Amino acid sequence: LGRPFPLDQPGRDGTVGPAPEEGGEHSPYGFP
């Protein structure tokens, strides 16, 4: 939680998330 997910793949050009408005996930149990 609260950090970049470690995954090395070709062609990296940015990130998705972490904020919900940036595409980040929010737990149905009440927290991002």
PDB file of all heavy atoms in Angstrom:
ATOM      1  N   LEU A   1       0.820  -1.207   0.000  1.00  0.00           N
ATOM      2  CA  LEU A   1       0.000   0.000   0.000  1.00  0.00           C
ATOM      3  C   LEU A   1       0.857   1.262   0.000  1.00  0.00           C
ATOM      4  O   LEU A   1       1.917   1.324   0.627  1.00  0.00           O
ATOM      5  CB  LEU A   1      -0.926   0.004   1.218  1.00  0.00           C
ATOM      6  CG  LEU A   1      -1.896  -1.175   1.344  1.00  0.00           C
ATOM      7  CD1 LEU A   1      -2.772  -1.014   2.592  1.00  0.00           C
ATOM      8  CD2 LEU A   1      -2.761  -1.313   0.098  1.00  0.00           C
ATOM      9  N   GLY A   2       0.342   2.264  -0.725  1.00  0.00           N
ATOM     10  CA  GLY A   2       0.959   3.582  -0.678  1.00  0.00           C
ATOM     11  C   GLY A   2       2.301   3.697  -1.355  1.00  0.00           C
ATOM     12  O   GLY A   2       3.082   4.597  -1.030  1.00  0.00           O
ATOM     13  N   ARG A   3       2.602   2.812  -2.309  1.00  0.00           N
ATOM     14  CA  ARG A   3       3.898   2.875  -2.977  1.00  0.00           C
ATOM     15  C   ARG A   3       3.796   2.317  -4.400  1.00  0.00           C
ATOM     16  O   ARG A   3       2.815   1.659  -4.747  1.00  0.00           O
ATOM     17  CB  ARG A   3       4.957   2.114  -2.189  1.00  0.00           C
ATOM     18  CG  ARG A   3       4.675   0.629  -2.022  1.00  0.00           C
ATOM     19  CD  ARG A   3       5.723  -0.040  -1.151  1.00  0.00           C
ATOM     20  NE  ARG A   3       5.712   0.511   0.200  1.00  0.00           N
ATOM     21  CZ  ARG A   3       6.667   0.305   1.100  1.00  0.00           C
ATOM     22  NH1 ARG A   3       7.737  -0.412   0.772  1.00  0.00           N
ATOM     23  NH2 ARG A   3       6.577   0.823   2.310  1.00  0.00           N
ATOM     24  N   PRO A   4       4.803   2.549  -5.222  1.00  0.00           N
ATOM     25  CA  PRO A   4       4.785   1.996  -6.581  1.00  0.00           C
ATOM     26  C   PRO A   4       4.852   0.470  -6.552  1.00  0.00           C
ATOM     27  O   PRO A   4       5.572  -0.113  -5.737  1.00  0.00           O
ATOM     28  CB  PRO A   4       6.036   2.593  -7.232  1.00  0.00           C
ATOM     29  CG  PRO A   4       6.367   3.799  -6.412  1.00  0.00           C
ATOM     30  CD  PRO A   4       5.949   3.461  -5.010  1.00  0.00           C
ATOM     31  N   PHE A   5       4.104  -0.161  -7.435  1.00  0.00           N
ATOM     32  CA  PHE A   5       4.133  -1.617  -7.533  1.00  0.00           C
ATOM     33  C   PHE A   5       5.365  -2.023  -8.340  1.00  0.00           C
ATOM     34  O   PHE A   5       5.571  -1.544  -9.463  1.00  0.00           O
ATOM     35  CB  PHE A   5       2.871  -2.141  -8.221  1.00  0.00           C
ATOM     36  CG  PHE A   5       2.761  -3.638  -8.204  1.00  0.00           C
ATOM     37  CD1 PHE A   5       2.210  -4.286  -7.117  1.00  0.00           C
ATOM     38  CD2 PHE A   5       3.222  -4.401  -9.269  1.00  0.00           C
ATOM     39  CE1 PHE A   5       2.112  -5.672  -7.084  1.00  0.00           C
ATOM     40  CE2 PHE A   5       3.124  -5.783  -9.248  1.00  0.00           C
ATOM     41  CZ  PHE A   5       2.570  -6.427  -8.151  1.00  0.00           C
ATOM     42  N   PRO A   6       6.191  -2.922  -7.814  1.00  0.00           N
ATOM     43  CA  PRO A   6       7.434  -3.297  -8.505  1.00  0.00           C
ATOM     44  C   PRO A   6       7.168  -4.225  -9.693  1.00  0.00           C
ATOM     45  O   PRO A   6       6.832  -5.397  -9.518  1.00  0.00           O
ATOM     46  CB  PRO A   6       8.241  -3.998  -7.407  1.00  0.00           C
ATOM     47  CG  PRO A   6       7.211  -4.531  -6.453  1.00  0.00           C
ATOM     48  CD  PRO A   6       6.055  -3.582  -6.494  1.00  0.00           C
ATOM     49  N   LEU A   7       7.300  -3.692 -10.884  1.00  0.00           N
ATOM     50  CA  LEU A   7       7.066  -4.477 -12.104  1.00  0.00           C
ATOM     51  C   LEU A   7       7.855  -3.840 -13.234  1.00  0.00           C
ATOM     52  O   LEU A   7       7.577  -2.707 -13.644  1.00  0.00           O
ATOM     53  CB  LEU A   7       5.573  -4.505 -12.433  1.00  0.00           C
ATOM     54  CG  LEU A   7       5.130  -5.443 -13.556  1.00  0.00           C
ATOM     55  CD1 LEU A   7       5.398  -6.899 -13.185  1.00  0.00           C
ATOM     56  CD2 LEU A   7       3.642  -5.246 -13.856  1.00  0.00           C
ATOM     57  N   ASP A   8       8.841  -4.560 -13.736  1.00  0.00           N
ATOM     58  CA  ASP A   8       9.713  -4.047 -14.792  1.00  0.00           C
ATOM     59  C   ASP A   8       9.222  -4.565 -16.138  1.00  0.00           C
ATOM     60  O   ASP A   8       9.280  -5.763 -16.406  1.00  0.00           O
ATOM     61  CB  ASP A   8      11.158  -4.483 -14.528  1.00  0.00           C
ATOM     62  CG  ASP A   8      12.123  -3.893 -15.535  1.00  0.00           C
ATOM     63  OD1 ASP A   8      11.787  -2.865 -16.143  1.00  0.00           O
ATOM     64  OD2 ASP A   8      13.211  -4.476 -15.722  1.00  0.00           O
ATOM     65  N   GLN A   9       8.741  -3.674 -16.986  1.00  0.00           N
ATOM     66  CA  GLN A   9       8.234  -4.045 -18.311  1.00  0.00           C
ATOM     67  C   GLN A   9       8.779  -3.087 -19.369  1.00  0.00           C
ATOM     68  O   GLN A   9       9.127  -1.943 -19.046  1.00  0.00           O
ATOM     69  CB  GLN A   9       6.699  -3.999 -18.327  1.00  0.00           C
ATOM     70  CG  GLN A   9       6.029  -4.991 -17.407  1.00  0.00           C
ATOM     71  CD  GLN A   9       4.505  -4.982 -17.519  1.00  0.00           C
ATOM     72  OE1 GLN A   9       3.860  -5.931 -17.104  1.00  0.00           O
ATOM     73  NE2 GLN A   9       3.920  -3.913 -18.045  1.00  0.00           N
ATOM     74  N   PRO A  10       8.822  -3.518 -20.620  1.00  0.00           N
ATOM     75  CA  PRO A  10       9.312  -2.642 -21.686  1.00  0.00           C
ATOM     76  C   PRO A  10       8.371  -1.456 -21.923  1.00  0.00           C
ATOM     77  O   PRO A  10       7.183  -1.510 -21.616  1.00  0.00           O
ATOM     78  CB  PRO A  10       9.332  -3.553 -22.918  1.00  0.00           C
ATOM     79  CG  PRO A  10       9.251  -4.937 -22.408  1.00  0.00           C
ATOM     80  CD  PRO A  10       8.505  -4.862 -21.113  1.00  0.00           C
ATOM     81  N   GLY A  11       8.934  -0.389 -22.478  1.00  0.00           N
ATOM     82  CA  GLY A  11       8.129   0.728 -22.962  1.00  0.00           C
ATOM     83  C   GLY A  11       7.482   1.566 -21.893  1.00  0.00           C
ATOM     84  O   GLY A  11       6.472   2.234 -22.156  1.00  0.00           O
ATOM     85  N   ARG A  12       8.049   1.576 -20.702  1.00  0.00           N
ATOM     86  CA  ARG A  12       7.410   2.342 -19.625  1.00  0.00           C
ATOM     87  C   ARG A  12       7.385   3.830 -19.980  1.00  0.00           C
ATOM     88  O   ARG A  12       8.401   4.415 -20.360  1.00  0.00           O
ATOM     89  CB  ARG A  12       8.148   2.123 -18.313  1.00  0.00           C
ATOM     90  CG  ARG A  12       7.538   2.913 -17.162  1.00  0.00           C
ATOM     91  CD  ARG A  12       7.972   2.424 -15.810  1.00  0.00           C
ATOM     92  NE  ARG A  12       7.384   3.219 -14.739  1.00  0.00           N
ATOM     93  CZ  ARG A  12       7.433   2.900 -13.460  1.00  0.00           C
ATOM     94  NH1 ARG A  12       8.030   1.773 -13.090  1.00  0.00           N
ATOM     95  NH2 ARG A  12       6.881   3.675 -12.548  1.00  0.00           N
ATOM     96  N   ASP A  13       6.201   4.442 -19.835  1.00  0.00           N
ATOM     97  CA  ASP A  13       6.047   5.854 -20.180  1.00  0.00           C
ATOM     98  C   ASP A  13       5.275   6.627 -19.109  1.00  0.00           C
ATOM     99  O   ASP A  13       4.694   7.669 -19.397  1.00  0.00           O
ATOM    100  CB  ASP A  13       5.365   6.011 -21.537  1.00  0.00           C
ATOM    101  CG  ASP A  13       3.985   5.369 -21.599  1.00  0.00           C
ATOM    102  OD1 ASP A  13       3.497   4.903 -20.545  1.00  0.00           O
ATOM    103  OD2 ASP A  13       3.386   5.341 -22.699  1.00  0.00           O
ATOM    104  N   GLY A  14       5.254   6.111 -17.871  1.00  0.00           N
ATOM    105  CA  GLY A  14       4.557   6.805 -16.798  1.00  0.00           C
ATOM    106  C   GLY A  14       3.947   5.829 -15.825  1.00  0.00           C
ATOM    107  O   GLY A  14       4.340   4.656 -15.751  1.00  0.00           O
ATOM    108  N   THR A  15       2.965   6.300 -15.070  1.00  0.00           N
ATOM    109  CA  THR A  15       2.302   5.468 -14.079  1.00  0.00           C
ATOM    110  C   THR A  15       0.795   5.656 -14.133  1.00  0.00           C
ATOM    111  O   THR A  15       0.289   6.609 -14.721  1.00  0.00           O
ATOM    112  CB  THR A  15       2.783   5.804 -12.651  1.00  0.00           C
ATOM    113  OG1 THR A  15       2.498   7.187 -12.389  1.00  0.00           O
ATOM    114  CG2 THR A  15       4.266   5.544 -12.491  1.00  0.00           C
ATOM    115  N   VAL A  16       0.099   4.710 -13.510  1.00  0.00           N
ATOM    116  CA  VAL A  16      -1.349   4.789 -13.293  1.00  0.00           C
ATOM    117  C   VAL A  16      -1.565   4.832 -11.791  1.00  0.00           C
ATOM    118  O   VAL A  16      -1.053   3.994 -11.056  1.00  0.00           O
ATOM    119  CB  VAL A  16      -2.073   3.581 -13.897  1.00  0.00           C
ATOM    120  CG1 VAL A  16      -3.550   3.611 -13.529  1.00  0.00           C
ATOM    121  CG2 VAL A  16      -1.901   3.559 -15.408  1.00  0.00           C
ATOM    122  N   GLY A  17      -2.359   5.791 -11.317  1.00  0.00           N
ATOM    123  CA  GLY A  17      -2.572   5.957  -9.889  1.00  0.00           C
ATOM    124  C   GLY A  17      -1.469   6.828  -9.309  1.00  0.00           C
ATOM    125  O   GLY A  17      -0.683   7.432 -10.040  1.00  0.00           O
ATOM    126  N   PRO A  18      -1.408   6.947  -7.948  1.00  0.00           N
ATOM    127  CA  PRO A  18      -2.170   6.158  -6.977  1.00  0.00           C
ATOM    128  C   PRO A  18      -3.539   6.719  -6.609  1.00  0.00           C
ATOM    129  O   PRO A  18      -4.360   5.997  -6.063  1.00  0.00           O
ATOM    130  CB  PRO A  18      -1.257   6.174  -5.752  1.00  0.00           C
ATOM    131  CG  PRO A  18      -0.568   7.503  -5.840  1.00  0.00           C
ATOM    132  CD  PRO A  18      -0.372   7.762  -7.312  1.00  0.00           C
ATOM    133  N   ALA A  19      -3.767   8.003  -6.855  1.00  0.00           N
ATOM    134  CA  ALA A  19      -5.035   8.602  -6.445  1.00  0.00           C
ATOM    135  C   ALA A  19      -6.174   8.062  -7.297  1.00  0.00           C
ATOM    136  O   ALA A  19      -5.988   7.769  -8.486  1.00  0.00           O
ATOM    137  CB  ALA A  19      -4.970  10.121  -6.568  1.00  0.00           C
ATOM    138  N   PRO A  20      -7.381   7.896  -6.723  1.00  0.00           N
ATOM    139  CA  PRO A  20      -8.521   7.397  -7.502  1.00  0.00           C
ATOM    140  C   PRO A  20      -8.773   8.201  -8.772  1.00  0.00           C
ATOM    141  O   PRO A  20      -9.107   7.617  -9.809  1.00  0.00           O
ATOM    142  CB  PRO A  20      -9.697   7.501  -6.521  1.00  0.00           C
ATOM    143  CG  PRO A  20      -9.055   7.345  -5.175  1.00  0.00           C
ATOM    144  CD  PRO A  20      -7.734   8.047  -5.290  1.00  0.00           C
ATOM    145  N   GLU A  21      -8.601   9.513  -8.718  1.00  0.00           N
ATOM    146  CA  GLU A  21      -8.830  10.323  -9.921  1.00  0.00           C
ATOM    147  C   GLU A  21      -7.755  10.092 -10.978  1.00  0.00           C
ATOM    148  O   GLU A  21      -7.917  10.471 -12.140  1.00  0.00           O
ATOM    149  CB  GLU A  21      -8.903  11.810  -9.564  1.00  0.00           C
ATOM    150  CG  GLU A  21      -7.659  12.392  -8.942  1.00  0.00           C
ATOM    151  CD  GLU A  21      -7.639  12.274  -7.426  1.00  0.00           C
ATOM    152  OE1 GLU A  21      -8.443  11.482  -6.874  1.00  0.00           O
ATOM    153  OE2 GLU A  21      -6.834  12.975  -6.791  1.00  0.00           O
ATOM    154  N   GLU A  22      -6.654   9.435 -10.593  1.00  0.00           N
ATOM    155  CA  GLU A  22      -5.594   9.094 -11.535  1.00  0.00           C
ATOM    156  C   GLU A  22      -5.659   7.628 -11.948  1.00  0.00           C
ATOM    157  O   GLU A  22      -4.747   7.106 -12.567  1.00  0.00           O
ATOM    158  CB  GLU A  22      -4.227   9.384 -10.895  1.00  0.00           C
ATOM    159  CG  GLU A  22      -4.000  10.842 -10.548  1.00  0.00           C
ATOM    160  CD  GLU A  22      -2.757  11.047  -9.703  1.00  0.00           C
ATOM    161  OE1 GLU A  22      -2.253  10.050  -9.137  1.00  0.00           O
ATOM    162  OE2 GLU A  22      -2.284  12.188  -9.603  1.00  0.00           O
ATOM    163  N   GLY A  23      -6.749   6.970 -11.585  1.00  0.00           N
ATOM    164  CA  GLY A  23      -6.898   5.561 -11.906  1.00  0.00           C
ATOM    165  C   GLY A  23      -6.533   4.636 -10.771  1.00  0.00           C
ATOM    166  O   GLY A  23      -6.505   3.412 -10.942  1.00  0.00           O
ATOM    167  N   GLY A  24      -6.247   5.177  -9.584  1.00  0.00           N
ATOM    168  CA  GLY A  24      -5.882   4.343  -8.442  1.00  0.00           C
ATOM    169  C   GLY A  24      -7.080   3.623  -7.845  1.00  0.00           C
ATOM    170  O   GLY A  24      -8.227   4.040  -8.002  1.00  0.00           O
ATOM    171  N   GLU A  25      -6.794   2.545  -7.111  1.00  0.00           N
ATOM    172  CA  GLU A  25      -7.852   1.716  -6.526  1.00  0.00           C
ATOM    173  C   GLU A  25      -8.280   2.257  -5.161  1.00  0.00           C
ATOM    174  O   GLU A  25      -7.481   2.850  -4.439  1.00  0.00           O
ATOM    175  CB  GLU A  25      -7.355   0.279  -6.362  1.00  0.00           C
ATOM    176  CG  GLU A  25      -6.982  -0.391  -7.667  1.00  0.00           C
ATOM    177  CD  GLU A  25      -5.866  -1.390  -7.494  1.00  0.00           C
ATOM    178  OE1 GLU A  25      -4.759  -0.976  -7.079  1.00  0.00           O
ATOM    179  OE2 GLU A  25      -6.096  -2.582  -7.751  1.00  0.00           O
ATOM    180  N   HIS A  26      -9.538   1.981  -4.831  1.00  0.00           N
ATOM    181  CA  HIS A  26     -10.083   2.343  -3.526  1.00  0.00           C
ATOM    182  C   HIS A  26     -10.795   1.116  -2.976  1.00  0.00           C
ATOM    183  O   HIS A  26     -11.684   0.564  -3.612  1.00  0.00           O
ATOM    184  CB  HIS A  26     -11.058   3.512  -3.656  1.00  0.00           C
ATOM    185  CG  HIS A  26     -11.447   4.119  -2.343  1.00  0.00           C
ATOM    186  ND1 HIS A  26     -12.401   3.553  -1.505  1.00  0.00           N
ATOM    187  CD2 HIS A  26     -11.007   5.227  -1.705  1.00  0.00           C
ATOM    188  CE1 HIS A  26     -12.529   4.293  -0.426  1.00  0.00           C
ATOM    189  NE2 HIS A  26     -11.699   5.318  -0.512  1.00  0.00           N
ATOM    190  N   SER A  27     -10.391   0.662  -1.787  1.00  0.00           N
ATOM    191  CA  SER A  27     -10.988  -0.531  -1.206  1.00  0.00           C
ATOM    192  C   SER A  27     -12.467  -0.316  -0.925  1.00  0.00           C
ATOM    193  O   SER A  27     -12.851   0.720  -0.363  1.00  0.00           O
ATOM    194  CB  SER A  27     -10.282  -0.900   0.102  1.00  0.00           C
ATOM    195  OG  SER A  27     -10.999  -1.922   0.784  1.00  0.00           O
ATOM    196  N   PRO A  28     -13.327  -1.282  -1.282  1.00  0.00           N
ATOM    197  CA  PRO A  28     -14.727  -1.206  -0.876  1.00  0.00           C
ATOM    198  C   PRO A  28     -14.907  -1.182   0.639  1.00  0.00           C
ATOM    199  O   PRO A  28     -15.989  -0.876   1.125  1.00  0.00           O
ATOM    200  CB  PRO A  28     -15.336  -2.475  -1.489  1.00  0.00           C
ATOM    201  CG  PRO A  28     -14.451  -2.800  -2.636  1.00  0.00           C
ATOM    202  CD  PRO A  28     -13.081  -2.429  -2.164  1.00  0.00           C
ATOM    203  N   TYR A  29     -13.826  -1.502   1.362  1.00  0.00           N
ATOM    204  CA  TYR A  29     -13.889  -1.451   2.822  1.00  0.00           C
ATOM    205  C   TYR A  29     -13.501  -0.075   3.367  1.00  0.00           C
ATOM    206  O   TYR A  29     -13.367   0.098   4.574  1.00  0.00           O
ATOM    207  CB  TYR A  29     -13.019  -2.553   3.416  1.00  0.00           C
ATOM    208  CG  TYR A  29     -13.651  -3.917   3.237  1.00  0.00           C
ATOM    209  CD1 TYR A  29     -13.385  -4.687   2.121  1.00  0.00           C
ATOM    210  CD2 TYR A  29     -14.556  -4.406   4.166  1.00  0.00           C
ATOM    211  CE1 TYR A  29     -14.007  -5.918   1.935  1.00  0.00           C
ATOM    212  CE2 TYR A  29     -15.169  -5.636   3.998  1.00  0.00           C
ATOM    213  CZ  TYR A  29     -14.893  -6.385   2.878  1.00  0.00           C
ATOM    214  OH  TYR A  29     -15.515  -7.598   2.694  1.00  0.00           O
ATOM    215  N   GLY A  30     -13.327   0.903   2.448  1.00  0.00           N
ATOM    216  CA  GLY A  30     -13.300   2.279   2.916  1.00  0.00           C
ATOM    217  C   GLY A  30     -11.984   3.023   2.928  1.00  0.00           C
ATOM    218  O   GLY A  30     -11.880   4.036   3.616  1.00  0.00           O
ATOM    219  N   PHE A  31     -10.973   2.585   2.155  1.00  0.00           N
ATOM    220  CA  PHE A  31      -9.720   3.347   2.149  1.00  0.00           C
ATOM    221  C   PHE A  31      -9.030   3.193   0.790  1.00  0.00           C
ATOM    222  O   PHE A  31      -9.191   2.184   0.104  1.00  0.00           O
ATOM    223  CB  PHE A  31      -8.783   2.874   3.264  1.00  0.00           C
ATOM    224  CG  PHE A  31      -8.400   1.415   3.174  1.00  0.00           C
ATOM    225  CD1 PHE A  31      -7.266   1.002   2.487  1.00  0.00           C
ATOM    226  CD2 PHE A  31      -9.168   0.444   3.801  1.00  0.00           C
ATOM    227  CE1 PHE A  31      -6.930  -0.342   2.407  1.00  0.00           C
ATOM    228  CE2 PHE A  31      -8.837  -0.901   3.733  1.00  0.00           C
ATOM    229  CZ  PHE A  31      -7.715  -1.296   3.030  1.00  0.00           C
ATOM    230  N   PRO A  32      -8.268   4.201   0.373  1.00  0.00           N
ATOM    231  CA  PRO A  32      -7.525   4.096  -0.887  1.00  0.00           C
ATOM    232  C   PRO A  32      -6.317   3.183  -0.725  1.00  0.00           C
ATOM    233  O   PRO A  32      -5.673   3.168   0.328  1.00  0.00           O
ATOM    234  CB  PRO A  32      -7.098   5.543  -1.162  1.00  0.00           C
ATOM    235  CG  PRO A  32      -7.025   6.173   0.190  1.00  0.00           C
ATOM    236  CD  PRO A  32      -8.092   5.513   1.023  1.00  0.00           C
TER     237      PRO A  32
END
